């Protein structure tokens, strides 16, 4: 169940809790979630994940253009998949950031949640100026009657998994690295809008996608082998996608265009989820539309080979 604030949540008798932004819900996060579920099953508890929205860095450093691996909706769906019973979304504000570590433990973990056991990742920090640490949690746990377990660093990230590292890989076009750390294909979700239908004129009709989230990370411009799904219809297709400014036709607006293989339907207004498998090539300018068409034919063959091997 999702709660849109601490005020919507009633304290539990046996809450097994973890805390964090969990952007991407990557392999390191998944280890924490599996441990949380394991503990809850063993002692008959209920799992609770406290997360923050907006992302704390967006509030505390508004000049930094942070791009996120998951929207709140995507994160919620992933967390449900990994067995979280209660997802509590805390609205992160400057006022909340000013809570001392002691106030945070007492007011949030104890009074609002009813924490009986807290499972956290290595080097978890909290409270004003992020001064609170594992030792503080252990000490206050004795006072307030909850246990604390820290997942060791080497157990979480033997390959130094972090959301920041995944963002860097995707920005560089290293989709296979990002996907490896995520444990799944990176994806974006958007609505199909009307384009200029240039792709149809050269034999490669495309669905133009608009992503309705200013903070969602869009990988680097180029052509990709992708899979396409209709979230509400349980349909999956293969295809290729181009992202960029379309320099061959003097494009001035950034576009996301997906060509779905063996597909001929009108889908304006529908929502698509695009999963990235591999970057085929960076965006480039061609001398003519005919040259572009020849390259797209090559791209399609390569995309089909990539999709066949996945």
Protein backbone atom coordinates (compact mmCIF):
# COMPACT_ATOMS: atom_id res chain seq x y z
CA UNK A 1 0.00 0.00 0.00
CA UNK A 2 1.22 3.53 -0.79
CA UNK A 3 0.92 6.36 1.72
CA UNK A 4 1.38 9.93 0.52
CA UNK A 5 2.65 11.26 3.80
CA UNK A 6 3.42 10.24 7.38
CA UNK A 7 0.04 11.61 8.44
CA UNK A 8 -1.69 8.86 6.43
CA UNK A 9 0.17 6.04 8.17
CA UNK A 10 -0.90 4.35 11.41
CA UNK A 11 1.95 2.84 13.49
CA UNK A 12 2.32 -0.93 13.18
CA UNK A 13 2.85 -3.50 15.93
CA UNK A 14 5.77 -5.17 14.15
CA UNK A 15 7.23 -2.86 11.50
CA UNK A 16 10.37 -4.01 9.70
CA UNK A 17 11.69 -0.80 8.16
CA UNK A 18 14.22 0.51 5.69
CA UNK A 19 14.84 4.06 4.51
CA UNK A 20 16.20 5.69 1.38
CA UNK A 21 15.54 7.28 -1.99
CA UNK A 22 16.02 3.89 -3.71
CA UNK A 23 16.35 5.58 -7.10
CA UNK A 24 16.50 2.85 -9.73
CA UNK A 25 15.87 0.02 -7.24
CA UNK A 26 19.17 -1.45 -8.45
CA UNK A 27 20.90 -4.68 -7.39
CA UNK A 28 22.31 -3.10 -4.22
CA UNK A 29 18.85 -1.90 -3.22
CA UNK A 30 17.42 -5.32 -4.03
CA UNK A 31 19.73 -6.98 -1.51
CA UNK A 32 18.38 -4.70 1.21
CA UNK A 33 14.80 -5.42 0.14
CA UNK A 34 15.36 -9.18 0.15
CA UNK A 35 16.86 -8.99 3.63
CA UNK A 36 13.91 -6.87 4.80
CA UNK A 37 11.41 -9.45 3.50
CA UNK A 38 13.40 -12.31 5.00
CA UNK A 39 13.36 -10.72 8.45
CA UNK A 40 9.65 -9.92 8.20
CA UNK A 41 8.79 -13.49 7.24
CA UNK A 42 10.88 -14.92 10.05
CA UNK A 43 9.29 -12.86 12.83
CA UNK A 44 5.84 -12.27 11.35
CA UNK A 45 6.34 -8.58 10.67
CA UNK A 46 5.27 -6.17 7.94
CA UNK A 47 7.78 -4.46 5.65
CA UNK A 48 7.83 -0.67 5.49
CA UNK A 49 9.95 1.46 3.18
CA UNK A 50 10.31 5.17 3.85
CA UNK A 51 11.27 7.13 0.77
CA UNK A 52 11.41 10.80 -0.11
CA UNK A 53 9.78 12.84 -2.84
CA UNK A 54 11.02 15.12 -4.28
CA UNK A 55 14.52 13.66 -4.18
CA UNK A 56 16.40 15.44 -1.34
CA UNK A 57 19.05 16.80 -3.70
CA UNK A 58 16.41 18.51 -5.84
CA UNK A 59 15.26 20.42 -2.75
CA UNK A 60 18.66 21.12 -1.17
CA UNK A 61 20.54 21.88 -4.41
CA UNK A 62 17.95 23.22 -6.88
CA UNK A 63 20.62 24.51 -9.27
CA UNK A 64 21.83 20.96 -9.89
CA UNK A 65 19.85 19.36 -12.70
CA UNK A 66 19.44 15.92 -11.17
CA UNK A 67 18.02 13.25 -13.44
CA UNK A 68 16.42 10.21 -11.85
CA UNK A 69 16.36 6.57 -12.90
CA UNK A 70 12.80 6.07 -11.70
CA UNK A 71 9.73 8.24 -11.38
CA UNK A 72 7.76 7.83 -8.17
CA UNK A 73 5.25 5.63 -10.02
CA UNK A 74 7.98 3.40 -11.47
CA UNK A 75 9.69 3.09 -8.10
CA UNK A 76 6.43 2.16 -6.38
CA UNK A 77 5.75 -0.61 -8.92
CA UNK A 78 9.25 -2.04 -8.50
CA UNK A 79 9.10 -1.94 -4.71
CA UNK A 80 5.78 -3.78 -4.74
CA UNK A 81 7.39 -6.44 -6.93
CA UNK A 82 10.09 -6.91 -4.29
CA UNK A 83 7.60 -7.49 -1.51
CA UNK A 84 7.22 -4.13 0.24
CA UNK A 85 3.94 -4.13 2.19
CA UNK A 86 3.87 -0.42 2.99
CA UNK A 87 5.52 2.34 0.95
CA UNK A 88 5.49 5.65 2.80
CA UNK A 89 6.31 8.65 0.64
CA UNK A 90 7.63 11.48 2.81
CA UNK A 91 7.41 14.92 1.28
CA UNK A 92 10.98 16.21 1.50
CA UNK A 93 11.14 19.90 2.41
CA UNK A 94 13.75 22.21 3.90
CA UNK A 95 11.80 22.01 7.15
CA UNK A 96 12.01 18.21 7.14
CA UNK A 97 15.73 18.43 6.34
CA UNK A 98 16.18 20.53 9.50
CA UNK A 99 15.03 17.72 11.80
CA UNK A 100 17.87 16.67 14.08
CA UNK A 101 18.90 13.03 13.96
CA UNK A 102 17.32 12.49 17.39
CA UNK A 103 14.04 14.13 16.35
CA UNK A 104 14.03 12.08 13.17
CA UNK A 105 14.37 8.83 15.09
CA UNK A 106 11.77 9.70 17.73
CA UNK A 107 9.16 11.46 15.62
CA UNK A 108 9.40 9.41 12.42
CA UNK A 109 10.75 5.93 13.19
CA UNK A 110 9.21 5.48 16.62
CA UNK A 111 6.06 7.61 16.92
CA UNK A 112 4.86 7.56 13.29
CA UNK A 113 6.00 4.11 12.12
CA UNK A 114 6.33 1.96 15.24
CA UNK A 115 9.66 0.50 14.10
CA UNK A 116 10.63 -2.84 15.64
CA UNK A 117 13.58 -3.55 13.37
CA UNK A 118 15.47 -1.23 11.02
CA UNK A 119 17.51 -2.64 8.12
CA UNK A 120 19.80 -0.13 6.42
CA UNK A 121 22.56 -0.06 3.86
CA UNK A 122 26.19 0.68 4.58
CA UNK A 123 26.99 4.24 5.70
CA UNK A 124 23.35 5.35 5.97
CA UNK A 125 23.16 9.02 7.05
CA UNK A 126 20.16 10.99 8.25
CA UNK A 127 18.99 14.08 10.12
CA UNK A 128 20.10 17.69 9.77
CA UNK A 129 23.36 17.95 7.82
CA UNK A 130 23.27 14.14 7.60
CA UNK A 131 25.13 13.78 10.88
CA UNK A 132 23.15 10.76 12.13
CA UNK A 133 24.82 7.37 11.61
CA UNK A 134 24.60 3.68 12.45
CA UNK A 135 25.97 4.14 15.97
CA UNK A 136 23.27 6.74 16.72
CA UNK A 137 20.57 4.37 15.52
CA UNK A 138 21.88 1.54 17.69
CA UNK A 139 22.05 3.77 20.74
CA UNK A 140 18.53 5.12 20.26
CA UNK A 141 17.25 1.66 19.41
CA UNK A 142 18.16 0.59 22.93
CA UNK A 143 16.23 3.56 24.33
CA UNK A 144 13.12 3.16 22.16
CA UNK A 145 13.05 -0.61 21.79
CA UNK A 146 13.98 -1.36 18.21
CA UNK A 147 16.82 -3.35 16.63
CA UNK A 148 19.13 -2.13 13.87
CA UNK A 149 20.87 -4.17 11.20
CA UNK A 150 23.37 -2.75 8.74
CA UNK A 151 23.96 -4.56 5.45
CA UNK A 152 27.78 -4.66 5.05
CA UNK A 153 29.31 -2.66 2.22
CA UNK A 154 30.90 -5.68 0.59
CA UNK A 155 27.56 -7.50 0.55
CA UNK A 156 25.70 -4.63 -1.13
CA UNK A 157 28.14 -3.44 -3.72
CA UNK A 158 30.93 -5.80 -4.61
CA UNK A 159 30.95 -3.97 -7.97
CA UNK A 160 30.33 -0.54 -6.43
CA UNK A 161 26.72 -0.31 -7.52
CA UNK A 162 25.25 3.15 -7.09
CA UNK A 163 22.50 5.14 -8.72
CA UNK A 164 25.11 7.75 -9.69
CA UNK A 165 27.23 5.17 -11.50
CA UNK A 166 24.19 3.86 -13.38
CA UNK A 167 23.23 7.39 -14.45
CA UNK A 168 26.74 7.92 -15.78
CA UNK A 169 26.65 4.67 -17.76
CA UNK A 170 23.32 5.56 -19.38
CA UNK A 171 24.48 9.08 -20.20
CA UNK A 172 27.53 7.60 -21.94
CA UNK A 173 25.47 5.11 -23.92
CA UNK A 174 26.80 2.13 -21.95
CA UNK A 175 23.34 0.61 -21.69
CA UNK A 176 24.65 -2.89 -20.96
CA UNK A 177 26.43 -1.61 -17.83
CA UNK A 178 23.37 0.27 -16.60
CA UNK A 179 21.17 -2.75 -17.23
CA UNK A 180 23.61 -5.07 -15.47
CA UNK A 181 23.60 -2.93 -12.33
CA UNK A 182 19.83 -2.49 -12.42
CA UNK A 183 19.19 -6.18 -12.91
CA UNK A 184 16.75 -5.33 -15.72
CA UNK A 185 16.52 -3.19 -18.85
CA UNK A 186 16.35 0.55 -18.23
CA UNK A 187 13.08 2.00 -19.44
CA UNK A 188 11.16 5.21 -20.05
CA UNK A 189 7.40 5.61 -20.28
CA UNK A 190 5.59 8.21 -22.34
CA UNK A 191 2.56 9.09 -24.40
CA UNK A 192 2.40 8.85 -28.20
CA UNK A 193 1.96 12.27 -29.84
CA UNK A 194 1.56 13.30 -33.47
CA UNK A 195 4.78 14.02 -35.38
CA UNK A 196 5.57 15.21 -38.90
CA UNK A 197 5.33 11.63 -40.29
CA UNK A 198 8.71 11.92 -42.02
CA UNK A 199 9.58 8.36 -40.98
CA UNK A 200 6.50 7.02 -42.75
CA UNK A 201 7.57 8.78 -45.97
CA UNK A 202 10.90 6.92 -46.02
CA UNK A 203 9.49 3.55 -45.00
CA UNK A 204 10.15 3.72 -41.26
CA UNK A 205 6.98 4.94 -39.51
CA UNK A 206 7.60 5.98 -35.94
CA UNK A 207 5.66 6.70 -32.79
CA UNK A 208 6.75 10.02 -31.30
CA UNK A 209 6.98 9.82 -27.50
CA UNK A 210 6.76 12.56 -24.91
CA UNK A 211 7.94 11.75 -21.38
CA UNK A 212 5.94 13.56 -18.74
CA UNK A 213 8.63 13.92 -16.09
CA UNK A 214 11.21 16.70 -16.10
CA UNK A 215 13.53 14.74 -13.81
CA UNK A 216 13.48 11.39 -15.64
CA UNK A 217 16.88 10.49 -17.08
CA UNK A 218 16.89 10.12 -20.87
CA UNK A 219 20.02 8.29 -22.13
CA UNK A 220 22.35 9.91 -24.65
CA UNK A 221 21.14 10.70 -28.18
CA UNK A 222 21.43 7.97 -30.76
CA UNK A 223 19.75 4.88 -32.18
CA UNK A 224 18.87 1.95 -29.91
CA UNK A 225 17.59 -1.60 -30.06
CA UNK A 226 14.52 -1.58 -27.79
CA UNK A 227 11.51 -3.49 -26.61
CA UNK A 228 8.12 -1.77 -26.50
CA UNK A 229 5.24 -2.61 -24.23
CA UNK A 230 1.73 -1.27 -23.74
CA UNK A 231 1.46 -1.24 -19.93
CA UNK A 232 -2.33 -1.49 -19.83
CA UNK A 233 -2.60 -4.09 -22.59
CA UNK A 234 0.07 -6.68 -21.76
CA UNK A 235 1.58 -6.53 -25.26
CA UNK A 236 5.30 -6.66 -26.06
CA UNK A 237 7.03 -5.74 -29.35
CA UNK A 238 10.56 -5.34 -30.67
CA UNK A 239 11.85 -2.23 -32.40
CA UNK A 240 14.46 0.47 -32.69
CA UNK A 241 14.41 4.01 -31.41
CA UNK A 242 16.12 7.24 -32.32
CA UNK A 243 16.59 10.10 -29.87
CA UNK A 244 18.01 13.46 -30.79
CA UNK A 245 17.55 16.57 -32.92
CA UNK A 246 17.36 14.90 -36.36
CA UNK A 247 20.22 16.93 -37.93
CA UNK A 248 19.63 15.46 -41.41
CA UNK A 249 16.35 17.38 -41.63
CA UNK A 250 17.55 20.41 -39.63
CA UNK A 251 15.53 19.39 -36.61
CA UNK A 252 15.56 21.97 -33.83
CA UNK A 253 13.49 20.16 -31.24
CA UNK A 254 14.59 17.10 -29.34
CA UNK A 255 12.51 14.06 -30.25
CA UNK A 256 12.08 10.46 -29.17
CA UNK A 257 10.86 8.29 -32.04
CA UNK A 258 10.34 4.54 -31.92
CA UNK A 259 9.89 2.29 -34.95
CA UNK A 260 7.98 -0.85 -33.91
CA UNK A 261 8.75 -3.91 -36.03
CA UNK A 262 5.83 -5.68 -37.75
CA UNK A 263 3.33 -3.16 -36.43
CA UNK A 264 0.68 -1.08 -38.20
CA UNK A 265 -1.75 0.50 -35.76
CA UNK A 266 -2.79 4.06 -34.97
CA UNK A 267 -1.77 4.60 -31.35
CA UNK A 268 -1.91 8.37 -30.79
CA UNK A 269 -2.58 9.10 -27.13
CA UNK A 270 -1.58 5.65 -25.92
CA UNK A 271 1.13 5.09 -23.31
CA UNK A 272 4.23 3.08 -24.21
CA UNK A 273 7.10 1.78 -22.11
CA UNK A 274 10.40 1.62 -23.98
CA UNK A 275 13.11 -0.71 -22.62
CA UNK A 276 16.69 -0.04 -23.78
CA UNK A 277 18.77 -3.05 -24.81
CA UNK A 278 21.76 -1.55 -26.62
CA UNK A 279 23.02 1.61 -28.30
CA UNK A 280 23.42 0.96 -32.04
CA UNK A 281 25.11 4.25 -32.95
CA UNK A 282 25.28 7.87 -31.92
CA UNK A 283 23.12 10.40 -33.73
CA UNK A 284 24.72 11.69 -36.94
CA UNK A 285 23.91 13.92 -39.91
CA UNK A 286 23.52 12.38 -43.37
CA UNK A 287 23.86 14.09 -46.75
CA UNK A 288 20.36 13.13 -47.89
CA UNK A 289 17.17 11.38 -46.84
CA UNK A 290 18.18 8.48 -49.07
CA UNK A 291 21.44 8.08 -47.14
CA UNK A 292 19.45 8.20 -43.91
CA UNK A 293 17.10 5.51 -45.21
CA UNK A 294 20.04 3.24 -46.10
CA UNK A 295 21.47 3.68 -42.60
CA UNK A 296 18.09 2.93 -40.99
CA UNK A 297 17.92 -0.31 -42.92
CA UNK A 298 21.33 -1.24 -41.51
CA UNK A 299 20.20 -0.19 -38.04
CA UNK A 300 17.14 -2.42 -38.29
CA UNK A 301 19.19 -5.48 -39.21
CA UNK A 302 21.56 -4.86 -36.30
CA UNK A 303 18.67 -4.21 -33.90
CA UNK A 304 17.04 -7.48 -34.94
CA UNK A 305 20.29 -9.34 -34.25
CA UNK A 306 20.60 -7.73 -30.81
CA UNK A 307 16.98 -8.48 -29.95
CA UNK A 308 17.33 -12.09 -31.08
CA UNK A 309 20.29 -12.59 -28.72
CA UNK A 310 18.47 -11.13 -25.69
